[in-house]
Every structure is written in structure tokens, then in C-alpha cells.
Amino acid sequence: RVRLVLSLELMGKHSNMIFYDEVQGVILAVAHGVSEIMSSHRELAAGLPYAPPPRPTGKRLLSEMTLDDFTELWRQKPETESGSHFLNVNLAGFGQKMLEDALTIATDPKALYQTLNRLENGQDLRPAISPDAERFTLVNPTPDWRRQENVNALVGNYFIGHLQQTRMRRRREQLALLLEQQEKKLKRREKELVPIADTEIEALQATGDRLLAAFSAREIPTHPPAGKGTITVSRYEDGEPWAIEIDPTRTWVENAQIYYRRAQKAKARKAIYQQMADSLNAEKEYLFDLKLLVSQADTLADLNAIEADMTEAGFARKAGN
């Protein structure tokens, strides 16, 4: 004879799912294996004997208590402590939220004992999920809660929903991190850009013009003085002396041409800078749009589509790379 049981243990970070043979008392499969190194209380692996989770220290099972026992326990509750917290500390098998729900329909010890007994025995259950899908209940749901056909349906719908939300959150965080990294790269590239001011180009052009003008007006010698790296002329604007760097081995026209070429190169650099700055600004705007889309995505399909756009734009690696 074989009786197979799938046990879903909902215990916070220790939650697990175990498939075992109830007749033989042997584990057939386990979602999360637990070695003796990981836990000194309970080892979980295929082939090992199955044992239920150890009871929390200081807690009692309701099934082991009589009505008198429960009434006496309830009498010990401090006035300043909530009933759900007090029972959660002293009873095993009930979460605090479930106890809160039970207390909405029964407050005196006898009625509460009977309500919790029915819960423990799986009787008169009214499984439902809250409108925001953040909570479930087995008793006394309000009209706006989504009723479930049975507990299995509740477990499936509630935890599948939360699994999808968890996947969504993780995917959203992954994409947000990629976009944040890309944003840092853009900021580094932006810092590396050196702008070229119009005044720099104008100054180079004006220097070449002044050299030619001085040469034409014979303000300076016919040939650059040997061994001198500068020539002084007066500024047109204010008449102040202006020392201009020159190459004494070249003619005045050639020296002027050097300044003109430097002005042309500065113009070219400025054009390249403007192109790169425009490209960076476009990337920053696109990045902002992607961050907004990631934050507003409703489904995994939406996030996957955004990731495809990011990959095409070079913001994320292609699968397998």
C-alpha cells in the first residue's frame, strides 16, 4: 500500500516542499535539501525518513488542549497584549494573521477554541485572497476579497501571484542596475569631452590675421628675426603690446598659415565635440525613457521587450554572451 503526500511547509525563510511516502515514512523528493551541516534539528533529502517540522519551543498544539486548557491559557493573556500576538506566542500551527482573522468572528474562549479547532481540522474554511493580493485568509473574508474554490486553489493562486511579483521585482532590479551602470558610463564619457570655445577659434584666426597685417604694413621686419620665438605687435582694440609666438625658421605667411590651420583644426574638433555631445544627450534621453518604462512595466513580457531594446542599443549583453 502506498500513500503519497506533497507537503508544503510555509515557514518563512525555512519554507519547503516535500514529497514523501506516508506509509513507508520515506522522503521521495524535496525542493530544498537540508544537510546535517545546515541544520542540527532536521535533515531533508530523498531516501531519508520523513519527520514533520520540529515544534517551536514553548508552543502547544491546539489538538492537545482541552477547552479548559485553552480557557486557562486565554485567562493568562496580559491586558496590554493583543490576543493574536499572545496566541501566536503560545500556539503552534497558526500564524498571527490567521489568528487575527479568527478573532474577528470569535472573542470569548469557547467560541475561539471552536473556531481554531475547525481551522486546524480544515472545517468550514472560506479561503480568499485580498484585493491587493498581499494577504490570504481562511476565515471571514470581506465581500471585496476574491473567494477561492478550495485551499489548494488559494495556495496556487496566491503563491503563483507572489512568485510572479518576485520575478518581476528581480527583473526590474536587474534592468535598473544595467541602466544605472550605463548612466555612469555616459557620465564618464561626458567628463572626457573637452569643449572648444568660439573665442579660442577666433583668437587663432585673429593671430594669423594680425601677423599678415603687420607684415603688409611693414610693422615688422621682412623676415622673422633669427633665434627669436616671439614678435611683439600692438593690439588694434587698445594699442597694448601683443607678443605672438612664431617659428623664426618660417616666413610670416607660413607663420600665419600655422595659426589658420590651428583654427581649422579647432573648428573640426568643435564639430566633433558637438556631434559627440548631441549623441550623449540623445543617449541620456533614451536612458531616461528606458528607466521610466522599466519602473512602469506591468508584466515580465514588458520587461523582456525593454531588455531587447536595451540589447539592441548596446546597454545589455545578448543572451549567451
Protein backbone atom coordinates (compact mmCIF):
# COMPACT_ATOMS: atom_id res chain seq x y z
CA ARG A 1 0.00 0.00 0.00
CA VAL A 2 1.29 3.44 -0.92
CA ARG A 3 0.04 6.87 0.13
CA LEU A 4 1.98 9.72 -1.44
CA VAL A 5 1.87 13.15 0.20
CA LEU A 6 3.07 16.50 -1.08
CA SER A 7 3.77 18.61 1.99
CA LEU A 8 4.03 22.36 1.60
CA GLU A 9 5.72 23.82 4.68
CA LEU A 10 5.20 27.57 4.93
CA MET A 11 7.75 28.73 7.49
CA GLY A 12 9.21 31.99 6.24
CA LYS A 13 12.81 31.59 5.04
CA HIS A 14 12.66 27.90 6.00
CA SER A 15 9.69 27.16 3.71
CA ASN A 16 10.00 23.95 1.74
CA MET A 17 8.08 21.45 -0.36
CA ILE A 18 8.50 17.73 0.41
CA PHE A 19 7.13 14.71 -1.48
CA TYR A 20 7.04 11.60 0.68
CA ASP A 21 5.51 8.15 1.13
CA GLU A 22 3.31 8.42 4.20
CA VAL A 23 3.07 4.63 4.67
CA GLN A 24 6.80 3.97 4.48
CA GLY A 25 7.66 7.32 6.05
CA VAL A 26 10.36 7.97 3.43
CA ILE A 27 11.14 11.20 1.57
CA LEU A 28 10.96 10.77 -2.21
CA ALA A 29 11.90 14.31 -3.26
CA VAL A 30 12.49 17.68 -1.64
CA ALA A 31 12.57 21.17 -3.14
CA HIS A 32 15.40 22.39 -0.90
CA GLY A 33 17.73 19.78 0.54
CA VAL A 34 18.96 20.33 4.10
CA SER A 35 22.17 18.60 5.22
CA GLU A 36 23.18 17.83 8.80
CA ILE A 37 25.71 20.65 8.49
CA MET A 38 22.94 23.11 7.62
CA SER A 39 20.61 22.01 10.42
CA SER A 40 21.15 20.00 13.58
CA HIS A 41 17.37 19.58 14.03
CA ARG A 42 16.15 18.17 10.74
CA GLU A 43 17.92 16.73 7.72
CA LEU A 44 15.98 16.62 4.44
CA ALA A 45 16.97 14.54 1.41
CA ALA A 46 15.48 11.82 -0.80
CA GLY A 47 15.66 8.42 0.90
CA LEU A 48 15.70 9.78 4.47
CA PRO A 49 12.84 9.17 6.93
CA TYR A 50 10.23 11.92 6.88
CA ALA A 51 9.51 13.80 10.09
CA PRO A 52 7.30 16.88 10.46
CA PRO A 53 8.97 20.19 11.30
CA PRO A 54 10.05 20.48 14.94
CA ARG A 55 7.56 22.32 17.10
CA PRO A 56 8.67 25.80 18.16
CA THR A 57 9.92 25.91 21.74
CA GLY A 58 7.24 26.85 24.25
CA LYS A 59 4.31 26.36 21.88
CA ARG A 60 1.49 23.82 22.19
CA LEU A 61 -0.76 22.22 19.60
CA LEU A 62 -4.41 23.12 19.96
CA SER A 63 -5.32 19.46 19.32
CA GLU A 64 -3.50 18.57 22.56
CA MET A 65 -5.54 21.04 24.60
CA THR A 66 -9.00 20.72 26.10
CA LEU A 67 -11.44 23.60 26.25
CA ASP A 68 -10.50 24.07 29.91
CA ASP A 69 -6.79 24.16 28.99
CA PHE A 70 -7.45 26.78 26.33
CA THR A 71 -9.67 28.83 28.64
CA GLU A 72 -6.95 28.81 31.29
CA LEU A 73 -4.35 29.86 28.70
CA TRP A 74 -6.60 32.69 27.50
CA ARG A 75 -7.10 33.85 31.08
CA GLN A 76 -3.32 34.38 31.36
CA LYS A 77 -3.26 36.90 28.50
CA PRO A 78 -1.99 40.30 29.69
CA GLU A 79 -4.48 43.10 29.16
CA THR A 80 -1.92 45.16 27.27
CA GLU A 81 -1.12 42.38 24.79
CA SER A 82 -3.18 41.70 21.67
CA GLY A 83 -4.97 38.38 21.55
CA SER A 84 -3.42 37.38 18.21
CA HIS A 85 0.12 38.04 19.46
CA PHE A 86 -0.48 36.18 22.72
CA LEU A 87 -1.89 33.13 20.95
CA ASN A 88 0.85 33.20 18.33
CA VAL A 89 3.45 33.01 21.09
CA ASN A 90 1.73 30.08 22.79
CA LEU A 91 0.09 28.05 19.99
CA ALA A 92 1.81 26.12 17.20
CA GLY A 93 0.35 25.85 13.71
CA PHE A 94 -1.29 29.27 13.42
CA GLY A 95 0.20 32.42 12.00
CA GLN A 96 -0.57 35.74 13.62
CA LYS A 97 -2.62 36.94 10.64
CA MET A 98 -4.77 33.81 10.77
CA LEU A 99 -5.30 34.34 14.48
CA GLU A 100 -6.29 37.96 13.82
CA ASP A 101 -8.87 36.71 11.31
CA ALA A 102 -10.22 34.16 13.79
CA LEU A 103 -10.58 36.86 16.45
CA THR A 104 -12.84 38.88 14.13
CA ILE A 105 -15.55 36.24 14.45
CA ALA A 106 -14.92 34.88 17.96
CA THR A 107 -13.62 36.57 21.08
CA ASP A 108 -14.83 34.53 24.04
CA PRO A 109 -12.65 31.47 24.86
CA LYS A 110 -15.21 28.80 23.95
CA ALA A 111 -16.15 30.24 20.55
CA LEU A 112 -12.49 31.00 19.79
CA TYR A 113 -11.45 27.46 20.76
CA GLN A 114 -14.11 26.01 18.47
CA THR A 115 -13.17 28.33 15.60
CA LEU A 116 -9.49 27.44 15.87
CA ASN A 117 -10.36 23.73 16.14
CA ARG A 118 -12.31 23.93 12.90
CA LEU A 119 -9.39 25.72 11.28
CA GLU A 120 -6.92 23.10 12.49
CA ASN A 121 -9.18 20.30 11.21
CA GLY A 122 -9.82 22.00 7.87
CA GLN A 123 -13.55 22.50 8.51
CA ASP A 124 -15.76 25.41 7.39
CA LEU A 125 -12.87 27.05 5.56
CA ARG A 126 -13.56 30.15 3.48
CA PRO A 127 -10.35 30.67 1.51
CA ALA A 128 -9.94 34.06 -0.14
CA ILE A 129 -7.25 36.46 -1.37
CA SER A 130 -7.26 40.18 -0.61
CA PRO A 131 -7.88 42.67 -3.45
CA ASP A 132 -4.22 43.73 -3.50
CA ALA A 133 -3.10 40.05 -3.40
CA GLU A 134 -0.93 40.82 -0.37
CA ARG A 135 -2.89 38.61 2.06
CA PHE A 136 -4.96 35.47 2.17
CA THR A 137 -7.40 34.19 4.74
CA LEU A 138 -9.25 31.02 5.58
CA VAL A 139 -11.95 32.66 7.66
CA ASN A 140 -14.30 35.62 7.47
CA PRO A 141 -13.21 37.34 4.23
CA THR A 142 -14.87 40.67 3.45
CA PRO A 143 -17.04 40.92 0.29
CA ASP A 144 -14.28 42.56 -1.77
CA TRP A 145 -11.88 39.63 -1.29
CA ARG A 146 -11.51 37.12 -4.12
CA ARG A 147 -13.07 33.84 -2.99
CA GLN A 148 -11.17 30.64 -3.85
CA GLU A 149 -12.70 27.28 -4.64
CA ASN A 150 -10.58 25.49 -2.04
CA VAL A 151 -7.30 25.77 -0.13
CA ASN A 152 -5.32 24.21 -2.98
CA ALA A 153 -6.64 26.89 -5.34
CA LEU A 154 -5.77 29.56 -2.78
CA VAL A 155 -2.20 28.28 -2.36
CA GLY A 156 -1.74 28.08 -6.13
CA ASN A 157 -3.19 31.48 -6.97
CA TYR A 158 -1.63 33.29 -4.02
CA PHE A 159 1.89 31.91 -4.32
CA ILE A 160 1.95 31.89 -8.11
CA GLY A 161 1.00 35.56 -7.94
CA HIS A 162 3.75 36.26 -5.43
CA LEU A 163 6.23 34.25 -7.47
CA GLN A 164 5.39 36.37 -10.49
CA GLN A 165 5.74 39.53 -8.41
CA THR A 166 9.12 38.31 -7.11
CA ARG A 167 10.29 37.58 -10.64
CA MET A 168 9.03 40.98 -11.75
CA ARG A 169 10.81 42.74 -8.91
CA ARG A 170 14.10 40.92 -9.54
CA ARG A 171 13.90 41.50 -13.29
CA ARG A 172 13.09 45.15 -12.73
CA GLU A 173 16.05 45.48 -10.35
CA GLN A 174 18.38 43.76 -12.85
CA LEU A 175 17.38 46.09 -15.67
CA ALA A 176 17.53 49.14 -13.39
CA LEU A 177 21.07 48.13 -12.39
CA LEU A 178 22.12 47.79 -16.05
CA LEU A 179 20.68 51.22 -16.79
CA GLU A 180 22.44 52.69 -13.76
CA GLN A 181 25.76 51.25 -14.99
CA GLN A 182 25.13 52.69 -18.43
CA GLU A 183 24.34 56.06 -16.87
CA LYS A 184 27.70 56.02 -15.07
CA LYS A 185 29.46 55.24 -18.36
CA LEU A 186 27.72 58.18 -20.03
CA LYS A 187 28.79 60.48 -17.20
CA ARG A 188 32.42 59.34 -17.58
CA ARG A 189 32.27 59.96 -21.33
CA GLU A 190 30.74 63.35 -20.70
CA LYS A 191 33.63 64.30 -18.39
CA GLU A 192 36.15 63.23 -21.04
CA LEU A 193 34.65 65.60 -23.61
CA VAL A 194 36.67 68.84 -23.85
CA PRO A 195 34.58 71.67 -25.29
CA ILE A 196 36.12 74.07 -27.83
CA ALA A 197 35.13 77.69 -27.26
CA ASP A 198 34.42 80.03 -30.15
CA THR A 199 36.81 82.54 -28.54
CA GLU A 200 39.69 80.06 -28.95
CA ILE A 201 38.98 79.69 -32.69
CA GLU A 202 38.55 83.44 -33.08
CA ALA A 203 41.80 84.12 -31.22
CA LEU A 204 43.79 81.78 -33.52
CA GLN A 205 42.20 83.33 -36.60
CA ALA A 206 42.88 86.84 -35.30
CA THR A 207 46.52 86.00 -34.57
CA GLY A 208 47.08 84.85 -38.17
CA ASP A 209 45.31 87.96 -39.46
CA ARG A 210 47.43 90.28 -37.28
CA LEU A 211 50.68 88.70 -38.46
CA LEU A 212 49.74 89.18 -42.11
CA ALA A 213 48.53 92.73 -41.46
CA ALA A 214 51.75 93.62 -39.64
CA PHE A 215 53.81 92.14 -42.47
CA SER A 216 51.82 94.01 -45.13
CA ALA A 217 52.06 97.31 -43.21
CA ARG A 218 55.78 96.72 -42.64
CA GLU A 219 55.33 96.96 -38.88
CA ILE A 220 57.71 94.04 -38.58
CA PRO A 221 60.93 93.08 -40.36
CA THR A 222 60.72 91.44 -43.80
CA HIS A 223 61.88 88.15 -42.27
CA PRO A 224 61.36 86.82 -38.75
CA PRO A 225 64.37 87.63 -36.55
CA ALA A 226 66.64 84.61 -36.25
CA GLY A 227 66.58 82.93 -32.87
CA LYS A 228 63.51 84.81 -31.60
CA GLY A 229 60.41 82.82 -30.70
CA THR A 230 58.05 85.78 -30.43
CA ILE A 231 57.25 89.00 -32.21
CA THR A 232 55.56 91.95 -30.49
CA VAL A 233 52.87 93.98 -32.23
CA SER A 234 50.17 96.30 -30.92
CA ARG A 235 46.57 95.21 -30.47
CA TYR A 236 44.07 97.01 -32.69
CA GLU A 237 41.49 97.25 -29.94
CA ASP A 238 43.54 99.03 -27.29
CA GLY A 239 47.02 99.53 -28.68
CA GLU A 240 48.55 97.34 -25.99
CA PRO A 241 51.65 95.24 -26.84
CA TRP A 242 50.86 91.74 -28.08
CA ALA A 243 53.58 89.10 -28.02
CA ILE A 244 52.86 86.45 -30.65
CA GLU A 245 54.68 83.14 -30.71
CA ILE A 246 56.34 82.43 -34.07
CA ASP A 247 58.67 79.97 -35.76
CA PRO A 248 61.72 82.06 -36.80
CA THR A 249 62.66 79.49 -39.44
CA ARG A 250 59.46 80.16 -41.39
CA THR A 251 58.16 83.19 -43.27
CA TRP A 252 55.49 85.50 -41.89
CA VAL A 253 52.92 84.00 -44.28
CA GLU A 254 53.86 80.49 -43.17
CA ASN A 255 53.56 81.51 -39.52
CA ALA A 256 50.13 83.00 -40.23
CA GLN A 257 49.15 79.78 -42.02
CA ILE A 258 50.10 77.81 -38.89
CA TYR A 259 47.57 79.81 -36.88
CA TYR A 260 44.93 79.40 -39.61
CA ARG A 261 45.46 75.63 -39.65
CA ARG A 262 45.19 75.52 -35.85
CA ALA A 263 41.93 77.48 -36.13
CA GLN A 264 40.62 74.98 -38.71
CA LYS A 265 41.57 72.04 -36.50
CA ALA A 266 39.85 73.70 -33.55
CA LYS A 267 36.72 74.13 -35.69
CA ALA A 268 36.86 70.45 -36.66
CA ARG A 269 37.32 69.43 -33.02
CA LYS A 270 34.40 71.63 -32.05
CA ALA A 271 32.21 69.98 -34.70
CA ILE A 272 33.23 66.51 -33.45
CA TYR A 273 32.64 67.60 -29.87
CA GLN A 274 29.17 68.86 -30.79
CA GLN A 275 28.36 65.58 -32.55
CA MET A 276 29.52 63.57 -29.53
CA ALA A 277 27.68 65.89 -27.12
CA ASP A 278 24.48 65.57 -29.20
CA SER A 279 24.90 61.78 -29.25
CA LEU A 280 25.42 61.71 -25.48
CA ASN A 281 22.35 63.86 -24.91
CA ALA A 282 20.29 61.57 -27.13
CA GLU A 283 21.56 58.52 -25.20
CA LYS A 284 20.77 60.23 -21.90
CA GLU A 285 17.21 60.99 -23.05
CA TYR A 286 16.80 57.40 -24.28
CA LEU A 287 18.20 56.14 -20.98
CA PHE A 288 15.70 58.27 -19.06
CA ASP A 289 12.85 56.86 -21.20
CA LEU A 290 14.04 53.28 -20.57
CA LYS A 291 14.24 53.86 -16.81
CA LEU A 292 10.68 55.19 -16.87
CA LEU A 293 9.47 52.20 -18.90
CA VAL A 294 11.20 49.76 -16.53
CA SER A 295 9.60 51.38 -13.49
CA GLN A 296 6.13 51.35 -15.11
CA ALA A 297 6.22 47.86 -16.72
CA ASP A 298 3.26 45.69 -15.73
CA THR A 299 4.39 42.25 -16.92
CA LEU A 300 7.51 40.17 -17.47
CA ALA A 301 6.79 40.35 -21.19
CA ASP A 302 7.03 44.15 -20.98
CA LEU A 303 10.38 43.92 -19.20
CA ASN A 304 11.68 41.35 -21.71
CA ALA A 305 10.72 43.67 -24.56
CA ILE A 306 12.55 46.54 -22.84
CA GLU A 307 15.61 44.34 -22.38
CA ALA A 308 15.54 43.53 -26.11
CA ASP A 309 15.60 47.27 -26.84
CA MET A 310 18.46 47.72 -24.35
CA THR A 311 20.43 44.92 -26.01
CA GLU A 312 19.91 46.45 -29.44
CA ALA A 313 21.11 49.81 -28.08
CA GLY A 314 24.18 48.17 -26.53
CA PHE A 315 23.00 48.70 -22.96
CA ALA A 316 22.75 44.97 -22.20
CA ARG A 317 24.53 41.84 -23.40
CA LYS A 318 22.88 39.42 -25.77
CA ALA A 319 21.81 36.11 -24.27
CA GLY A 320 24.75 33.69 -24.22
CA ASN A 321 27.40 36.44 -24.35
